[in-house]
Protein backbone atom coordinates (compact mmCIF):
# COMPACT_ATOMS: atom_id res chain seq x y z
CA MET A 1 -36.11 -101.03 36.11
CA LEU A 2 -34.24 -98.45 38.86
CA LYS A 3 -36.05 -94.98 38.86
CA LYS A 4 -34.34 -92.12 41.00
CA ASN A 5 -37.42 -91.82 43.61
CA ASP A 6 -36.25 -95.45 44.15
CA ILE A 7 -32.65 -94.24 45.09
CA SER A 8 -31.54 -92.91 48.42
CA ILE A 9 -28.28 -91.39 48.82
CA LYS A 10 -27.21 -90.58 52.53
CA LEU A 11 -24.34 -87.78 53.75
CA ASN A 12 -22.33 -89.19 56.62
CA LYS A 13 -20.09 -86.55 56.98
CA ILE A 14 -19.05 -82.73 55.76
CA TYR A 15 -15.78 -81.15 56.24
CA VAL A 16 -13.60 -78.49 54.60
CA ASP A 17 -10.10 -80.15 53.68
CA ASP A 18 -8.58 -77.11 52.68
CA ILE A 19 -8.68 -73.38 53.12
CA ASN A 20 -6.00 -70.91 51.46
CA PHE A 21 -7.10 -67.45 51.33
CA THR A 22 -4.38 -64.41 50.85
CA VAL A 23 -5.41 -60.70 50.53
CA ASN A 24 -3.62 -58.75 47.65
CA LYS A 25 -1.82 -55.80 49.58
CA ASN A 26 -0.71 -54.72 45.81
CA PHE A 27 -4.64 -54.40 44.62
CA GLN A 28 -5.66 -50.74 43.68
CA PRO A 29 -9.18 -50.23 43.11
CA ILE A 30 -10.22 -48.47 40.51
CA PRO A 31 -13.29 -46.16 40.99
CA ASN A 32 -16.78 -47.20 39.75
CA GLU A 33 -14.85 -50.34 37.96
CA PRO A 34 -16.33 -53.74 39.07
CA ILE A 35 -13.93 -56.43 39.94
CA ASP A 36 -14.29 -59.62 37.89
CA LEU A 37 -12.74 -62.22 40.37
CA LYS A 38 -13.42 -65.27 37.64
CA CYS A 39 -13.30 -68.28 40.13
CA SER A 40 -13.01 -71.75 38.86
CA PHE A 41 -15.13 -74.82 40.21
CA LYS A 42 -13.52 -78.51 39.99
CA ARG A 43 -15.66 -81.81 41.41
CA GLU A 44 -14.08 -85.28 42.08
CA VAL A 45 -15.66 -88.30 43.15
CA VAL A 46 -13.36 -90.97 45.05
CA LYS A 47 -14.77 -94.24 45.39
CA ILE A 48 -14.05 -95.75 49.01
CA ASP A 49 -16.04 -98.83 48.81
CA ASP A 50 -18.72 -100.37 46.94
CA ASP A 51 -21.44 -98.65 49.18
CA ASN A 52 -19.52 -95.31 49.91
CA ALA A 53 -17.82 -92.43 48.00
CA ALA A 54 -16.16 -88.97 48.67
CA VAL A 55 -17.23 -86.01 46.59
CA ILE A 56 -15.07 -83.11 46.36
CA ILE A 57 -15.88 -79.76 45.39
CA SER A 58 -13.15 -77.22 44.81
CA PHE A 59 -13.28 -73.41 44.76
CA LEU A 60 -10.06 -71.26 43.15
CA ILE A 61 -9.86 -67.77 42.75
CA ASP A 62 -6.22 -67.57 40.83
CA PRO A 63 -3.95 -64.69 42.00
CA ALA A 64 -3.65 -61.35 39.85
CA ALA A 65 -2.68 -57.67 40.68
CA THR A 66 -6.43 -57.13 39.59
CA LYS A 67 -8.16 -58.74 42.40
CA PRO A 68 -8.59 -57.67 46.00
CA PHE A 69 -7.93 -61.54 47.27
CA TYR A 70 -7.29 -64.96 45.98
CA GLY A 71 -7.42 -68.28 47.20
CA SER A 72 -9.07 -71.56 47.35
CA LEU A 73 -11.36 -73.97 49.48
CA LYS A 74 -12.26 -77.73 48.92
CA VAL A 75 -15.02 -79.27 50.38
CA VAL A 76 -15.75 -83.12 51.15
CA GLY A 77 -18.66 -84.96 51.70
CA LEU A 78 -18.82 -88.75 52.36
CA PHE A 79 -21.89 -90.13 50.88
CA GLU A 80 -23.52 -93.59 51.62
CA LEU A 81 -25.35 -95.27 48.48
CA GLU A 82 -25.53 -98.99 47.78
CA LYS A 83 -23.67 -100.20 45.17
CA TRP A 84 -23.20 -96.48 43.57
CA GLU A 85 -21.40 -97.61 40.80
CA SER A 86 -24.02 -100.20 39.52
CA SER A 87 -26.08 -98.14 37.49
CA PRO A 88 -25.78 -94.79 35.71
CA ILE A 89 -28.54 -93.47 37.93
CA LYS A 90 -26.66 -94.57 40.99
CA LYS A 91 -23.62 -92.65 39.97
CA ASP A 92 -25.43 -89.50 38.70
CA MET A 93 -26.91 -89.88 42.23
CA ILE A 94 -23.17 -89.43 43.60
CA LEU A 95 -21.88 -86.96 40.62
CA ILE A 96 -24.86 -84.42 40.83
CA ASN A 97 -26.93 -84.60 43.85
CA GLY A 98 -23.85 -85.17 46.33
CA ALA A 99 -22.22 -81.99 44.35
CA SER A 100 -25.88 -80.30 45.06
CA ILE A 101 -25.66 -81.01 48.48
CA LEU A 102 -22.29 -79.88 49.23
CA PHE A 103 -22.68 -76.24 47.33
CA PRO A 104 -24.78 -74.36 49.47
CA TYR A 105 -21.73 -75.49 52.30
CA LEU A 106 -19.04 -74.05 49.51
CA ARG A 107 -20.96 -70.95 49.30
CA ASN A 108 -21.53 -70.01 52.99
CA ALA A 109 -17.63 -70.81 53.79
CA VAL A 110 -16.21 -68.56 50.99
CA SER A 111 -18.79 -65.80 52.12
CA SER A 112 -17.62 -66.33 55.86
CA ILE A 113 -13.70 -66.57 55.10
CA THR A 114 -14.12 -63.08 52.64
CA CYS A 115 -15.62 -61.23 55.33
CA LEU A 116 -12.93 -61.90 57.69
CA LEU A 117 -10.30 -60.75 55.11
CA ASP A 118 -11.10 -56.85 55.36
CA VAL A 119 -12.57 -56.80 52.01
CA PRO A 120 -16.18 -56.59 51.15
CA PRO A 121 -17.55 -60.34 51.43
CA TYR A 122 -17.84 -62.22 48.36
CA VAL A 123 -21.29 -64.20 48.07
CA LEU A 124 -20.96 -66.55 45.66
CA PRO A 125 -24.54 -67.02 43.69
CA VAL A 126 -26.64 -69.85 43.89
CA MET A 127 -25.65 -71.84 40.84
CA ASN A 128 -26.83 -75.03 38.64
CA ILE A 129 -24.64 -77.64 39.27
CA THR A 130 -25.55 -79.71 36.22
CA LYS A 131 -24.59 -76.68 34.10
CA LEU A 132 -21.46 -75.43 36.35
CA PHE A 133 -20.01 -79.12 35.87
CA GLY A 134 -21.28 -79.46 32.53
CA ASP A 135 -23.62 -82.49 33.63
CA ASP A 136 -26.03 -81.28 30.94
CA LYS A 137 -23.95 -81.36 28.25
CA ARG A 138 -23.00 -84.90 28.87
CA LYS A 139 -26.54 -85.92 29.18
CA GLU A 140 -27.62 -84.73 25.08
CA GLU A 141 -24.50 -86.92 24.15
């Protein structure tokens, strides 16, 4: 039986595919009022071949008058895992571990970019990837 400890996933390449951030010039801060950016995330896996897949995680802040900035960012990781679609454990390695590996790069990019926007930098919190993308609910079913 295949065990997680027997599987090795390899990150071959990582890159930012899309960056789009804009300062909201109409934003009027309310003193002592916290700003709720309500960001959203998306994850996608694209099969390259039997042993390779691209994992894409995206970050989005929708434009609204109550936000100092808005934008999006997409990070892509090219992963190698032999016959990754052949078992649920291998699929989870690509899906969950791939996104977990990419998330710190996404956090860093969002912080770096917002630091350049003449607004206080936005630092994404550390997140549980299985909860963020609903994988914990999928496992319970």
